[in-house]
Amino acid sequence: MCFRDLQDELRRYGIDVTQSQIRWAITSGKIVRPPLDGSLRFVFGPEHVEQLRQIFAVKTEAGKC
């Protein structure tokens, strides 16, 4: 899945993140670097969705307090 699909999937869980936040998670090593397709775009999988949910759900929960 591409960035847009990934963002849509995360929104289903109530997590609204930007591409910049996702790129930060990749470059900082918070999630496993996704493979690249022939056009050098990231290809995200279910494992990336779960990793991002864990990272950003903590921030979402903390913001509700």
PDB file of N, CA and C in Angstrom:
ATOM      1  N   MET A   1       0.835  -1.170   0.000  1.00  0.00           N
ATOM      2  CA  MET A   1       0.000   0.000   0.000  1.00  0.00           C
ATOM      3  C   MET A   1       0.883   1.236   0.000  1.00  0.00           C
ATOM      4  N   CYS A   2       0.386   2.307  -0.566  1.00  0.00           N
ATOM      5  CA  CYS A   2       1.139   3.562  -0.660  1.00  0.00           C
ATOM      6  C   CYS A   2       0.827   4.440   0.560  1.00  0.00           C
ATOM      7  N   PHE A   3       1.406   5.646   0.601  1.00  0.00           N
ATOM      8  CA  PHE A   3       1.196   6.550   1.722  1.00  0.00           C
ATOM      9  C   PHE A   3      -0.288   6.809   1.964  1.00  0.00           C
ATOM     10  N   ARG A   4      -1.026   7.098   0.905  1.00  0.00           N
ATOM     11  CA  ARG A   4      -2.441   7.442   1.041  1.00  0.00           C
ATOM     12  C   ARG A   4      -3.230   6.273   1.632  1.00  0.00           C
ATOM     13  N   ASP A   5      -2.972   5.080   1.139  1.00  0.00           N
ATOM     14  CA  ASP A   5      -3.658   3.893   1.673  1.00  0.00           C
ATOM     15  C   ASP A   5      -3.301   3.676   3.141  1.00  0.00           C
ATOM     16  N   LEU A   6      -2.037   3.890   3.464  1.00  0.00           N
ATOM     17  CA  LEU A   6      -1.585   3.743   4.845  1.00  0.00           C
ATOM     18  C   LEU A   6      -2.289   4.752   5.750  1.00  0.00           C
ATOM     19  N   GLN A   7      -2.368   6.002   5.312  1.00  0.00           N
ATOM     20  CA  GLN A   7      -3.043   7.025   6.103  1.00  0.00           C
ATOM     21  C   GLN A   7      -4.526   6.701   6.275  1.00  0.00           C
ATOM     22  N   ASP A   8      -5.165   6.224   5.216  1.00  0.00           N
ATOM     23  CA  ASP A   8      -6.581   5.839   5.304  1.00  0.00           C
ATOM     24  C   ASP A   8      -6.782   4.706   6.300  1.00  0.00           C
ATOM     25  N   GLU A   9      -5.884   3.736   6.271  1.00  0.00           N
ATOM     26  CA  GLU A   9      -5.974   2.598   7.195  1.00  0.00           C
ATOM     27  C   GLU A   9      -5.805   3.071   8.637  1.00  0.00           C
ATOM     28  N   LEU A  10      -4.855   3.953   8.875  1.00  0.00           N
ATOM     29  CA  LEU A  10      -4.642   4.459  10.225  1.00  0.00           C
ATOM     30  C   LEU A  10      -5.828   5.296  10.699  1.00  0.00           C
ATOM     31  N   ARG A  11      -6.464   6.040   9.789  1.00  0.00           N
ATOM     32  CA  ARG A  11      -7.644   6.824  10.162  1.00  0.00           C
ATOM     33  C   ARG A  11      -8.792   5.927  10.627  1.00  0.00           C
ATOM     34  N   ARG A  12      -8.866   4.723  10.089  1.00  0.00           N
ATOM     35  CA  ARG A  12      -9.898   3.775  10.529  1.00  0.00           C
ATOM     36  C   ARG A  12      -9.736   3.432  12.006  1.00  0.00           C
ATOM     37  N   TYR A  13      -8.510   3.570  12.503  1.00  0.00           N
ATOM     38  CA  TYR A  13      -8.220   3.323  13.918  1.00  0.00           C
ATOM     39  C   TYR A  13      -8.251   4.618  14.729  1.00  0.00           C
ATOM     40  N   GLY A  14      -8.630   5.710  14.090  1.00  0.00           N
ATOM     41  CA  GLY A  14      -8.700   6.986  14.790  1.00  0.00           C
ATOM     42  C   GLY A  14      -7.375   7.698  14.918  1.00  0.00           C
ATOM     43  N   ILE A  15      -6.419   7.341  14.073  1.00  0.00           N
ATOM     44  CA  ILE A  15      -5.082   7.945  14.123  1.00  0.00           C
ATOM     45  C   ILE A  15      -4.874   8.747  12.847  1.00  0.00           C
ATOM     46  N   ASP A  16      -4.733  10.060  13.012  1.00  0.00           N
ATOM     47  CA  ASP A  16      -4.543  10.952  11.870  1.00  0.00           C
ATOM     48  C   ASP A  16      -3.092  11.420  11.858  1.00  0.00           C
ATOM     49  N   VAL A  17      -2.292  10.875  10.948  1.00  0.00           N
ATOM     50  CA  VAL A  17      -0.881  11.234  10.846  1.00  0.00           C
ATOM     51  C   VAL A  17      -0.583  11.765   9.451  1.00  0.00           C
ATOM     52  N   THR A  18       0.455  12.577   9.375  1.00  0.00           N
ATOM     53  CA  THR A  18       0.876  13.139   8.095  1.00  0.00           C
ATOM     54  C   THR A  18       1.988  12.286   7.491  1.00  0.00           C
ATOM     55  N   GLN A  19       2.269  12.532   6.225  1.00  0.00           N
ATOM     56  CA  GLN A  19       3.388  11.835   5.585  1.00  0.00           C
ATOM     57  C   GLN A  19       4.700  12.184   6.280  1.00  0.00           C
ATOM     58  N   SER A  20       4.832  13.404   6.744  1.00  0.00           N
ATOM     59  CA  SER A  20       6.047  13.810   7.454  1.00  0.00           C
ATOM     60  C   SER A  20       6.234  13.003   8.731  1.00  0.00           C
ATOM     61  N   GLN A  21       5.161  12.753   9.449  1.00  0.00           N
ATOM     62  CA  GLN A  21       5.251  11.964  10.673  1.00  0.00           C
ATOM     63  C   GLN A  21       5.630  10.520  10.366  1.00  0.00           C
ATOM     64  N   ILE A  22       5.106   9.988   9.271  1.00  0.00           N
ATOM     65  CA  ILE A  22       5.437   8.618   8.871  1.00  0.00           C
ATOM     66  C   ILE A  22       6.902   8.544   8.452  1.00  0.00           C
ATOM     67  N   ARG A  23       7.341   9.526   7.670  1.00  0.00           N
ATOM     68  CA  ARG A  23       8.755   9.559   7.252  1.00  0.00           C
ATOM     69  C   ARG A  23       9.676   9.682   8.465  1.00  0.00           C
ATOM     70  N   TRP A  24       9.276  10.464   9.470  1.00  0.00           N
ATOM     71  CA  TRP A  24      10.061  10.581  10.698  1.00  0.00           C
ATOM     72  C   TRP A  24      10.190   9.213  11.369  1.00  0.00           C
ATOM     73  N   ALA A  25       9.076   8.474  11.434  1.00  0.00           N
ATOM     74  CA  ALA A  25       9.099   7.149  12.069  1.00  0.00           C
ATOM     75  C   ALA A  25      10.057   6.213  11.331  1.00  0.00           C
ATOM     76  N   ILE A  26      10.122   6.340  10.019  1.00  0.00           N
ATOM     77  CA  ILE A  26      11.017   5.490   9.220  1.00  0.00           C
ATOM     78  C   ILE A  26      12.473   5.893   9.456  1.00  0.00           C
ATOM     79  N   THR A  27      12.777   7.185   9.314  1.00  0.00           N
ATOM     80  CA  THR A  27      14.172   7.630   9.407  1.00  0.00           C
ATOM     81  C   THR A  27      14.734   7.514  10.815  1.00  0.00           C
ATOM     82  N   SER A  28      13.871   7.609  11.824  1.00  0.00           N
ATOM     83  CA  SER A  28      14.355   7.499  13.198  1.00  0.00           C
ATOM     84  C   SER A  28      14.435   6.051  13.675  1.00  0.00           C
ATOM     85  N   GLY A  29      14.010   5.116  12.822  1.00  0.00           N
ATOM     86  CA  GLY A  29      14.102   3.708  13.179  1.00  0.00           C
ATOM     87  C   GLY A  29      12.974   3.227  14.080  1.00  0.00           C
ATOM     88  N   LYS A  30      11.918   4.017  14.212  1.00  0.00           N
ATOM     89  CA  LYS A  30      10.779   3.618  15.051  1.00  0.00           C
ATOM     90  C   LYS A  30      10.001   2.467  14.426  1.00  0.00           C
ATOM     91  N   ILE A  31      10.000   2.407  13.083  1.00  0.00           N
ATOM     92  CA  ILE A  31       9.373   1.287  12.370  1.00  0.00           C
ATOM     93  C   ILE A  31      10.376   0.702  11.396  1.00  0.00           C
ATOM     94  N   VAL A  32      10.135  -0.517  10.977  1.00  0.00           N
ATOM     95  CA  VAL A  32      10.986  -1.182   9.993  1.00  0.00           C
ATOM     96  C   VAL A  32      10.843  -0.452   8.657  1.00  0.00           C
ATOM     97  N   ARG A  33      11.967  -0.197   8.016  1.00  0.00           N
ATOM     98  CA  ARG A  33      11.931   0.507   6.724  1.00  0.00           C
ATOM     99  C   ARG A  33      11.189  -0.344   5.698  1.00  0.00           C
ATOM    100  N   PRO A  34      10.137   0.221   5.083  1.00  0.00           N
ATOM    101  CA  PRO A  34       9.404  -0.535   4.075  1.00  0.00           C
ATOM    102  C   PRO A  34      10.223  -0.696   2.792  1.00  0.00           C
ATOM    103  N   PRO A  35       9.965  -1.759   2.040  1.00  0.00           N
ATOM    104  CA  PRO A  35      10.667  -1.922   0.755  1.00  0.00           C
ATOM    105  C   PRO A  35      10.216  -0.852  -0.239  1.00  0.00           C
ATOM    106  N   LEU A  36      11.000  -0.685  -1.278  1.00  0.00           N
ATOM    107  CA  LEU A  36      10.672   0.274  -2.330  1.00  0.00           C
ATOM    108  C   LEU A  36      10.191  -0.465  -3.574  1.00  0.00           C
ATOM    109  N   ASP A  37       9.271   0.171  -4.309  1.00  0.00           N
ATOM    110  CA  ASP A  37       8.836  -0.424  -5.570  1.00  0.00           C
ATOM    111  C   ASP A  37       9.747   0.066  -6.697  1.00  0.00           C
ATOM    112  N   GLY A  38       9.405  -0.247  -7.930  1.00  0.00           N
ATOM    113  CA  GLY A  38      10.228   0.127  -9.081  1.00  0.00           C
ATOM    114  C   GLY A  38      10.365   1.619  -9.274  1.00  0.00           C
ATOM    115  N   SER A  39       9.419   2.388  -8.734  1.00  0.00           N
ATOM    116  CA  SER A  39       9.459   3.849  -8.838  1.00  0.00           C
ATOM    117  C   SER A  39      10.071   4.487  -7.599  1.00  0.00           C
ATOM    118  N   LEU A  40      10.683   3.666  -6.753  1.00  0.00           N
ATOM    119  CA  LEU A  40      11.335   4.098  -5.518  1.00  0.00           C
ATOM    120  C   LEU A  40      10.354   4.709  -4.508  1.00  0.00           C
ATOM    121  N   ARG A  41       9.129   4.197  -4.514  1.00  0.00           N
ATOM    122  CA  ARG A  41       8.134   4.595  -3.510  1.00  0.00           C
ATOM    123  C   ARG A  41       8.025   3.492  -2.473  1.00  0.00           C
ATOM    124  N   PHE A  42       7.747   3.876  -1.245  1.00  0.00           N
ATOM    125  CA  PHE A  42       7.591   2.897  -0.183  1.00  0.00           C
ATOM    126  C   PHE A  42       6.371   2.016  -0.433  1.00  0.00           C
ATOM    127  N   VAL A  43       6.514   0.747  -0.079  1.00  0.00           N
ATOM    128  CA  VAL A  43       5.406  -0.203  -0.139  1.00  0.00           C
ATOM    129  C   VAL A  43       5.164  -0.676   1.294  1.00  0.00           C
ATOM    130  N   PHE A  44       4.090  -0.169   1.895  1.00  0.00           N
ATOM    131  CA  PHE A  44       3.774  -0.486   3.283  1.00  0.00           C
ATOM    132  C   PHE A  44       2.932  -1.750   3.360  1.00  0.00           C
ATOM    133  N   GLY A  45       3.117  -2.486   4.437  1.00  0.00           N
ATOM    134  CA  GLY A  45       2.354  -3.705   4.667  1.00  0.00           C
ATOM    135  C   GLY A  45       1.652  -3.644   6.017  1.00  0.00           C
ATOM    136  N   PRO A  46       0.941  -4.711   6.369  1.00  0.00           N
ATOM    137  CA  PRO A  46       0.211  -4.743   7.642  1.00  0.00           C
ATOM    138  C   PRO A  46       1.114  -4.548   8.861  1.00  0.00           C
ATOM    139  N   GLU A  47       2.356  -5.009   8.762  1.00  0.00           N
ATOM    140  CA  GLU A  47       3.266  -4.842   9.898  1.00  0.00           C
ATOM    141  C   GLU A  47       3.581  -3.373  10.153  1.00  0.00           C
ATOM    142  N   HIS A  48       3.615  -2.565   9.087  1.00  0.00           N
ATOM    143  CA  HIS A  48       3.876  -1.136   9.243  1.00  0.00           C
ATOM    144  C   HIS A  48       2.675  -0.438   9.867  1.00  0.00           C
ATOM    145  N   VAL A  49       1.483  -0.868   9.474  1.00  0.00           N
ATOM    146  CA  VAL A  49       0.266  -0.307  10.074  1.00  0.00           C
ATOM    147  C   VAL A  49       0.285  -0.549  11.579  1.00  0.00           C
ATOM    148  N   GLU A  50       0.588  -1.765  11.974  1.00  0.00           N
ATOM    149  CA  GLU A  50       0.591  -2.111  13.397  1.00  0.00           C
ATOM    150  C   GLU A  50       1.669  -1.336  14.154  1.00  0.00           C
ATOM    151  N   GLN A  51       2.852  -1.219  13.571  1.00  0.00           N
ATOM    152  CA  GLN A  51       3.930  -0.484  14.233  1.00  0.00           C
ATOM    153  C   GLN A  51       3.552   0.982  14.407  1.00  0.00           C
ATOM    154  N   LEU A  52       2.975   1.578  13.373  1.00  0.00           N
ATOM    155  CA  LEU A  52       2.570   2.983  13.454  1.00  0.00           C
ATOM    156  C   LEU A  52       1.415   3.164  14.438  1.00  0.00           C
ATOM    157  N   ARG A  53       0.514   2.202  14.486  1.00  0.00           N
ATOM    158  CA  ARG A  53      -0.579   2.268  15.467  1.00  0.00           C
ATOM    159  C   ARG A  53      -0.019   2.301  16.874  1.00  0.00           C
ATOM    160  N   GLN A  54       0.969   1.484  17.131  1.00  0.00           N
ATOM    161  CA  GLN A  54       1.554   1.442  18.474  1.00  0.00           C
ATOM    162  C   GLN A  54       2.251   2.754  18.823  1.00  0.00           C
ATOM    163  N   ILE A  55       2.942   3.338  17.861  1.00  0.00           N
ATOM    164  CA  ILE A  55       3.664   4.588  18.113  1.00  0.00           C
ATOM    165  C   ILE A  55       2.687   5.749  18.326  1.00  0.00           C
ATOM    166  N   PHE A  56       1.759   5.919  17.388  1.00  0.00           N
ATOM    167  CA  PHE A  56       0.903   7.101  17.419  1.00  0.00           C
ATOM    168  C   PHE A  56      -0.322   6.931  18.306  1.00  0.00           C
ATOM    169  N   ALA A  57      -0.707   5.722  18.633  1.00  0.00           N
ATOM    170  CA  ALA A  57      -1.820   5.530  19.564  1.00  0.00           C
ATOM    171  C   ALA A  57      -1.413   6.005  20.950  1.00  0.00           C
ATOM    172  N   VAL A  58      -0.155   5.818  21.310  1.00  0.00           N
ATOM    173  CA  VAL A  58       0.344   6.288  22.608  1.00  0.00           C
ATOM    174  C   VAL A  58       0.212   7.814  22.677  1.00  0.00           C
ATOM    175  N   LYS A  59       0.591   8.496  21.610  1.00  0.00           N
ATOM    176  CA  LYS A  59       0.489   9.942  21.588  1.00  0.00           C
ATOM    177  C   LYS A  59      -0.972  10.390  21.598  1.00  0.00           C
ATOM    178  N   THR A  60      -1.838   9.648  20.887  1.00  0.00           N
ATOM    179  CA  THR A  60      -3.247   9.982  20.851  1.00  0.00           C
ATOM    180  C   THR A  60      -3.859   9.816  22.248  1.00  0.00           C
ATOM    181  N   GLU A  61      -3.545   8.738  22.914  1.00  0.00           N
ATOM    182  CA  GLU A  61      -4.063   8.481  24.262  1.00  0.00           C
ATOM    183  C   GLU A  61      -3.533   9.532  25.237  1.00  0.00           C
ATOM    184  N   ALA A  62      -2.277   9.892  25.105  1.00  0.00           N
ATOM    185  CA  ALA A  62      -1.691  10.889  26.007  1.00  0.00           C
ATOM    186  C   ALA A  62      -2.352  12.251  25.828  1.00  0.00           C
ATOM    187  N   GLY A  63      -2.749  12.551  24.601  1.00  0.00           N
ATOM    188  CA  GLY A  63      -3.396  13.837  24.317  1.00  0.00           C
ATOM    189  C   GLY A  63      -4.800  13.941  24.877  1.00  0.00           C
ATOM    190  N   LYS A  64      -5.430  12.809  25.175  1.00  0.00           N
ATOM    191  CA  LYS A  64      -6.796  12.814  25.692  1.00  0.00           C
ATOM    192  C   LYS A  64      -6.853  13.111  27.178  1.00  0.00           C
ATOM    193  N   CYS A  65      -5.746  12.999  27.879  1.00  0.00           N
ATOM    194  CA  CYS A  65      -5.740  13.203  29.337  1.00  0.00           C
ATOM    195  C   CYS A  65      -5.914  14.650  29.703  1.00  0.00           C
TER     196      CYS A  65
END
